[in-house]
Amino acid sequence: MLSTREERFLVDIEKLQHSIETGHIKVAAKVMERIGRLKEKYKGFQKLYDIQLILSDD
């Protein structure tokens, strides 16, 4: 069972993913900045989840 904080973390990750897919965030540095902010906000969950940025050639 997920805690409320963990659910919020997952929702924020999904929002980031949606922003990337829709093209609102295109620069890799900005994506890494957002990931860093999420890791800072939800410090306990960065140990449980592995968040990676995979760049494509497109």
PDB file of N, CA and C in Angstrom:
ATOM      1  N   MET A   1       0.848  -1.175   0.000  1.00  0.00           N
ATOM      2  CA  MET A   1       0.000   0.000   0.000  1.00  0.00           C
ATOM      3  C   MET A   1       0.897   1.243   0.000  1.00  0.00           C
ATOM      4  N   LEU A   2       0.591   2.153  -0.883  1.00  0.00           N
ATOM      5  CA  LEU A   2       1.396   3.362  -1.022  1.00  0.00           C
ATOM      6  C   LEU A   2       0.974   4.427  -0.026  1.00  0.00           C
ATOM      7  N   SER A   3       1.961   5.123   0.496  1.00  0.00           N
ATOM      8  CA  SER A   3       1.650   6.243   1.374  1.00  0.00           C
ATOM      9  C   SER A   3       1.218   7.433   0.522  1.00  0.00           C
ATOM     10  N   THR A   4       0.620   8.402   1.143  1.00  0.00           N
ATOM     11  CA  THR A   4       0.166   9.596   0.430  1.00  0.00           C
ATOM     12  C   THR A   4       1.332  10.315  -0.211  1.00  0.00           C
ATOM     13  N   ARG A   5       2.437  10.388   0.491  1.00  0.00           N
ATOM     14  CA  ARG A   5       3.623  11.065  -0.043  1.00  0.00           C
ATOM     15  C   ARG A   5       4.185  10.331  -1.260  1.00  0.00           C
ATOM     16  N   GLU A   6       4.177   9.009  -1.201  1.00  0.00           N
ATOM     17  CA  GLU A   6       4.667   8.235  -2.334  1.00  0.00           C
ATOM     18  C   GLU A   6       3.748   8.386  -3.541  1.00  0.00           C
ATOM     19  N   GLU A   7       2.456   8.444  -3.301  1.00  0.00           N
ATOM     20  CA  GLU A   7       1.502   8.667  -4.388  1.00  0.00           C
ATOM     21  C   GLU A   7       1.748  10.028  -5.043  1.00  0.00           C
ATOM     22  N   ARG A   8       2.002  11.054  -4.239  1.00  0.00           N
ATOM     23  CA  ARG A   8       2.286  12.389  -4.776  1.00  0.00           C
ATOM     24  C   ARG A   8       3.571  12.384  -5.601  1.00  0.00           C
ATOM     25  N   PHE A   9       4.571  11.644  -5.126  1.00  0.00           N
ATOM     26  CA  PHE A   9       5.824  11.520  -5.860  1.00  0.00           C
ATOM     27  C   PHE A   9       5.579  10.900  -7.227  1.00  0.00           C
ATOM     28  N   LEU A  10       4.822   9.830  -7.274  1.00  0.00           N
ATOM     29  CA  LEU A  10       4.541   9.158  -8.538  1.00  0.00           C
ATOM     30  C   LEU A  10       3.721  10.045  -9.475  1.00  0.00           C
ATOM     31  N   VAL A  11       2.795  10.815  -8.922  1.00  0.00           N
ATOM     32  CA  VAL A  11       2.005  11.743  -9.741  1.00  0.00           C
ATOM     33  C   VAL A  11       2.913  12.818 -10.324  1.00  0.00           C
ATOM     34  N   ASP A  12       3.843  13.329  -9.531  1.00  0.00           N
ATOM     35  CA  ASP A  12       4.767  14.348 -10.021  1.00  0.00           C
ATOM     36  C   ASP A  12       5.679  13.789 -11.114  1.00  0.00           C
ATOM     37  N   ILE A  13       6.095  12.534 -10.974  1.00  0.00           N
ATOM     38  CA  ILE A  13       6.908  11.892 -12.014  1.00  0.00           C
ATOM     39  C   ILE A  13       6.092  11.746 -13.299  1.00  0.00           C
ATOM     40  N   GLU A  14       4.822  11.364 -13.176  1.00  0.00           N
ATOM     41  CA  GLU A  14       3.962  11.242 -14.349  1.00  0.00           C
ATOM     42  C   GLU A  14       3.744  12.594 -15.020  1.00  0.00           C
ATOM     43  N   LYS A  15       3.626  13.659 -14.235  1.00  0.00           N
ATOM     44  CA  LYS A  15       3.478  15.007 -14.795  1.00  0.00           C
ATOM     45  C   LYS A  15       4.729  15.402 -15.577  1.00  0.00           C
ATOM     46  N   LEU A  16       5.893  15.077 -15.046  1.00  0.00           N
ATOM     47  CA  LEU A  16       7.142  15.363 -15.737  1.00  0.00           C
ATOM     48  C   LEU A  16       7.216  14.588 -17.051  1.00  0.00           C
ATOM     49  N   GLN A  17       6.849  13.329 -16.998  1.00  0.00           N
ATOM     50  CA  GLN A  17       6.859  12.501 -18.201  1.00  0.00           C
ATOM     51  C   GLN A  17       5.902  13.070 -19.253  1.00  0.00           C
ATOM     52  N   HIS A  18       4.741  13.495 -18.831  1.00  0.00           N
ATOM     53  CA  HIS A  18       3.763  14.079 -19.751  1.00  0.00           C
ATOM     54  C   HIS A  18       4.292  15.373 -20.374  1.00  0.00           C
ATOM     55  N   SER A  19       4.959  16.192 -19.576  1.00  0.00           N
ATOM     56  CA  SER A  19       5.543  17.442 -20.083  1.00  0.00           C
ATOM     57  C   SER A  19       6.590  17.166 -21.156  1.00  0.00           C
ATOM     58  N   ILE A  20       7.355  16.117 -20.957  1.00  0.00           N
ATOM     59  CA  ILE A  20       8.381  15.754 -21.927  1.00  0.00           C
ATOM     60  C   ILE A  20       7.730  15.226 -23.211  1.00  0.00           C
ATOM     61  N   GLU A  21       6.740  14.347 -23.055  1.00  0.00           N
ATOM     62  CA  GLU A  21       6.095  13.738 -24.215  1.00  0.00           C
ATOM     63  C   GLU A  21       5.348  14.757 -25.068  1.00  0.00           C
ATOM     64  N   THR A  22       4.760  15.764 -24.442  1.00  0.00           N
ATOM     65  CA  THR A  22       4.001  16.756 -25.193  1.00  0.00           C
ATOM     66  C   THR A  22       4.894  17.845 -25.776  1.00  0.00           C
ATOM     67  N   GLY A  23       6.166  17.860 -25.393  1.00  0.00           N
ATOM     68  CA  GLY A  23       7.101  18.810 -25.957  1.00  0.00           C
ATOM     69  C   GLY A  23       7.218  20.111 -25.195  1.00  0.00           C
ATOM     70  N   HIS A  24       6.665  20.181 -24.002  1.00  0.00           N
ATOM     71  CA  HIS A  24       6.783  21.397 -23.205  1.00  0.00           C
ATOM     72  C   HIS A  24       8.195  21.573 -22.657  1.00  0.00           C
ATOM     73  N   ILE A  25       8.875  20.463 -22.436  1.00  0.00           N
ATOM     74  CA  ILE A  25      10.273  20.509 -21.995  1.00  0.00           C
ATOM     75  C   ILE A  25      11.079  19.763 -23.052  1.00  0.00           C
ATOM     76  N   LYS A  26      12.041  20.446 -23.660  1.00  0.00           N
ATOM     77  CA  LYS A  26      12.824  19.826 -24.727  1.00  0.00           C
ATOM     78  C   LYS A  26      14.307  19.733 -24.400  1.00  0.00           C
ATOM     79  N   VAL A  27      14.797  20.592 -23.541  1.00  0.00           N
ATOM     80  CA  VAL A  27      16.225  20.643 -23.233  1.00  0.00           C
ATOM     81  C   VAL A  27      16.535  19.651 -22.104  1.00  0.00           C
ATOM     82  N   ALA A  28      17.547  18.812 -22.333  1.00  0.00           N
ATOM     83  CA  ALA A  28      17.901  17.779 -21.349  1.00  0.00           C
ATOM     84  C   ALA A  28      18.289  18.378 -20.005  1.00  0.00           C
ATOM     85  N   ALA A  29      18.947  19.527 -20.017  1.00  0.00           N
ATOM     86  CA  ALA A  29      19.359  20.161 -18.759  1.00  0.00           C
ATOM     87  C   ALA A  29      18.145  20.550 -17.913  1.00  0.00           C
ATOM     88  N   LYS A  30      17.087  21.004 -18.564  1.00  0.00           N
ATOM     89  CA  LYS A  30      15.866  21.372 -17.831  1.00  0.00           C
ATOM     90  C   LYS A  30      15.196  20.136 -17.234  1.00  0.00           C
ATOM     91  N   VAL A  31      15.225  19.045 -17.979  1.00  0.00           N
ATOM     92  CA  VAL A  31      14.646  17.794 -17.468  1.00  0.00           C
ATOM     93  C   VAL A  31      15.430  17.333 -16.252  1.00  0.00           C
ATOM     94  N   MET A  32      16.757  17.379 -16.329  1.00  0.00           N
ATOM     95  CA  MET A  32      17.581  16.973 -15.192  1.00  0.00           C
ATOM     96  C   MET A  32      17.351  17.881 -13.990  1.00  0.00           C
ATOM     97  N   GLU A  33      17.122  19.151 -14.244  1.00  0.00           N
ATOM     98  CA  GLU A  33      16.819  20.093 -13.167  1.00  0.00           C
ATOM     99  C   GLU A  33      15.511  19.711 -12.475  1.00  0.00           C
ATOM    100  N   ARG A  34      14.500  19.380 -13.263  1.00  0.00           N
ATOM    101  CA  ARG A  34      13.215  18.978 -12.683  1.00  0.00           C
ATOM    102  C   ARG A  34      13.341  17.682 -11.891  1.00  0.00           C
ATOM    103  N   ILE A  35      14.121  16.737 -12.419  1.00  0.00           N
ATOM    104  CA  ILE A  35      14.351  15.480 -11.700  1.00  0.00           C
ATOM    105  C   ILE A  35      15.057  15.760 -10.382  1.00  0.00           C
ATOM    106  N   GLY A  36      16.046  16.649 -10.405  1.00  0.00           N
ATOM    107  CA  GLY A  36      16.757  17.019  -9.183  1.00  0.00           C
ATOM    108  C   GLY A  36      15.847  17.645  -8.146  1.00  0.00           C
ATOM    109  N   ARG A  37      14.938  18.479  -8.607  1.00  0.00           N
ATOM    110  CA  ARG A  37      13.975  19.102  -7.679  1.00  0.00           C
ATOM    111  C   ARG A  37      13.065  18.058  -7.047  1.00  0.00           C
ATOM    112  N   LEU A  38      12.625  17.079  -7.849  1.00  0.00           N
ATOM    113  CA  LEU A  38      11.779  16.023  -7.299  1.00  0.00           C
ATOM    114  C   LEU A  38      12.548  15.180  -6.297  1.00  0.00           C
ATOM    115  N   LYS A  39      13.803  14.877  -6.602  1.00  0.00           N
ATOM    116  CA  LYS A  39      14.619  14.096  -5.667  1.00  0.00           C
ATOM    117  C   LYS A  39      14.831  14.852  -4.362  1.00  0.00           C
ATOM    118  N   GLU A  40      14.980  16.161  -4.458  1.00  0.00           N
ATOM    119  CA  GLU A  40      15.166  16.970  -3.256  1.00  0.00           C
ATOM    120  C   GLU A  40      13.881  17.037  -2.438  1.00  0.00           C
ATOM    121  N   LYS A  41      12.760  17.157  -3.119  1.00  0.00           N
ATOM    122  CA  LYS A  41      11.470  17.273  -2.442  1.00  0.00           C
ATOM    123  C   LYS A  41      11.073  15.958  -1.771  1.00  0.00           C
ATOM    124  N   TYR A  42      11.346  14.848  -2.441  1.00  0.00           N
ATOM    125  CA  TYR A  42      10.980  13.525  -1.932  1.00  0.00           C
ATOM    126  C   TYR A  42      12.253  12.714  -1.680  1.00  0.00           C
ATOM    127  N   LYS A  43      13.021  13.108  -0.688  1.00  0.00           N
ATOM    128  CA  LYS A  43      14.333  12.515  -0.435  1.00  0.00           C
ATOM    129  C   LYS A  43      14.283  11.023  -0.140  1.00  0.00           C
ATOM    130  N   GLY A  44      13.306  10.571   0.577  1.00  0.00           N
ATOM    131  CA  GLY A  44      13.240   9.159   0.954  1.00  0.00           C
ATOM    132  C   GLY A  44      12.963   8.222  -0.203  1.00  0.00           C
ATOM    133  N   PHE A  45      12.353   8.717  -1.258  1.00  0.00           N
ATOM    134  CA  PHE A  45      11.948   7.849  -2.355  1.00  0.00           C
ATOM    135  C   PHE A  45      13.001   7.712  -3.436  1.00  0.00           C
ATOM    136  N   GLN A  46      14.022   8.539  -3.412  1.00  0.00           N
ATOM    137  CA  GLN A  46      15.062   8.414  -4.426  1.00  0.00           C
ATOM    138  C   GLN A  46      15.846   7.122  -4.248  1.00  0.00           C
ATOM    139  N   LYS A  47      15.789   6.536  -3.059  1.00  0.00           N
ATOM    140  CA  LYS A  47      16.447   5.254  -2.829  1.00  0.00           C
ATOM    141  C   LYS A  47      15.611   4.101  -3.375  1.00  0.00           C
ATOM    142  N   LEU A  48      14.300   4.286  -3.410  1.00  0.00           N
ATOM    143  CA  LEU A  48      13.409   3.224  -3.855  1.00  0.00           C
ATOM    144  C   LEU A  48      13.198   3.212  -5.367  1.00  0.00           C
ATOM    145  N   TYR A  49      13.341   4.366  -6.004  1.00  0.00           N
ATOM    146  CA  TYR A  49      13.071   4.494  -7.432  1.00  0.00           C
ATOM    147  C   TYR A  49      14.327   4.963  -8.153  1.00  0.00           C
ATOM    148  N   ASP A  50      14.550   4.398  -9.318  1.00  0.00           N
ATOM    149  CA  ASP A  50      15.674   4.792 -10.156  1.00  0.00           C
ATOM    150  C   ASP A  50      15.122   5.607 -11.317  1.00  0.00           C
ATOM    151  N   ILE A  51      15.411   6.892 -11.342  1.00  0.00           N
ATOM    152  CA  ILE A  51      14.917   7.787 -12.379  1.00  0.00           C
ATOM    153  C   ILE A  51      16.053   8.055 -13.341  1.00  0.00           C
ATOM    154  N   GLN A  52      15.830   7.727 -14.613  1.00  0.00           N
ATOM    155  CA  GLN A  52      16.872   7.914 -15.610  1.00  0.00           C
ATOM    156  C   GLN A  52      16.323   8.711 -16.785  1.00  0.00           C
ATOM    157  N   LEU A  53      17.195   9.483 -17.386  1.00  0.00           N
ATOM    158  CA  LEU A  53      16.869  10.229 -18.603  1.00  0.00           C
ATOM    159  C   LEU A  53      17.567   9.520 -19.751  1.00  0.00           C
ATOM    160  N   ILE A  54      16.773   9.029 -20.689  1.00  0.00           N
ATOM    161  CA  ILE A  54      17.317   8.344 -21.859  1.00  0.00           C
ATOM    162  C   ILE A  54      17.081   9.242 -23.055  1.00  0.00           C
ATOM    163  N   LEU A  55      18.155   9.715 -23.650  1.00  0.00           N
ATOM    164  CA  LEU A  55      18.075  10.617 -24.791  1.00  0.00           C
ATOM    165  C   LEU A  55      17.925   9.828 -26.078  1.00  0.00           C
ATOM    166  N   SER A  56      17.088  10.321 -26.964  1.00  0.00           N
ATOM    167  CA  SER A  56      16.934   9.688 -28.274  1.00  0.00           C
ATOM    168  C   SER A  56      17.633  10.533 -29.325  1.00  0.00           C
ATOM    169  N   ASP A  57      17.815   9.997 -30.491  1.00  0.00           N
ATOM    170  CA  ASP A  57      18.488  10.704 -31.573  1.00  0.00           C
ATOM    171  C   ASP A  57      17.582  11.660 -32.309  1.00  0.00           C
ATOM    172  N   ASP A  58      16.310  11.699 -31.987  1.00  0.00           N
ATOM    173  CA  ASP A  58      15.341  12.534 -32.704  1.00  0.00           C
ATOM    174  C   ASP A  58      15.591  13.990 -32.507  1.00  0.00           C
TER     175      ASP A  58
END
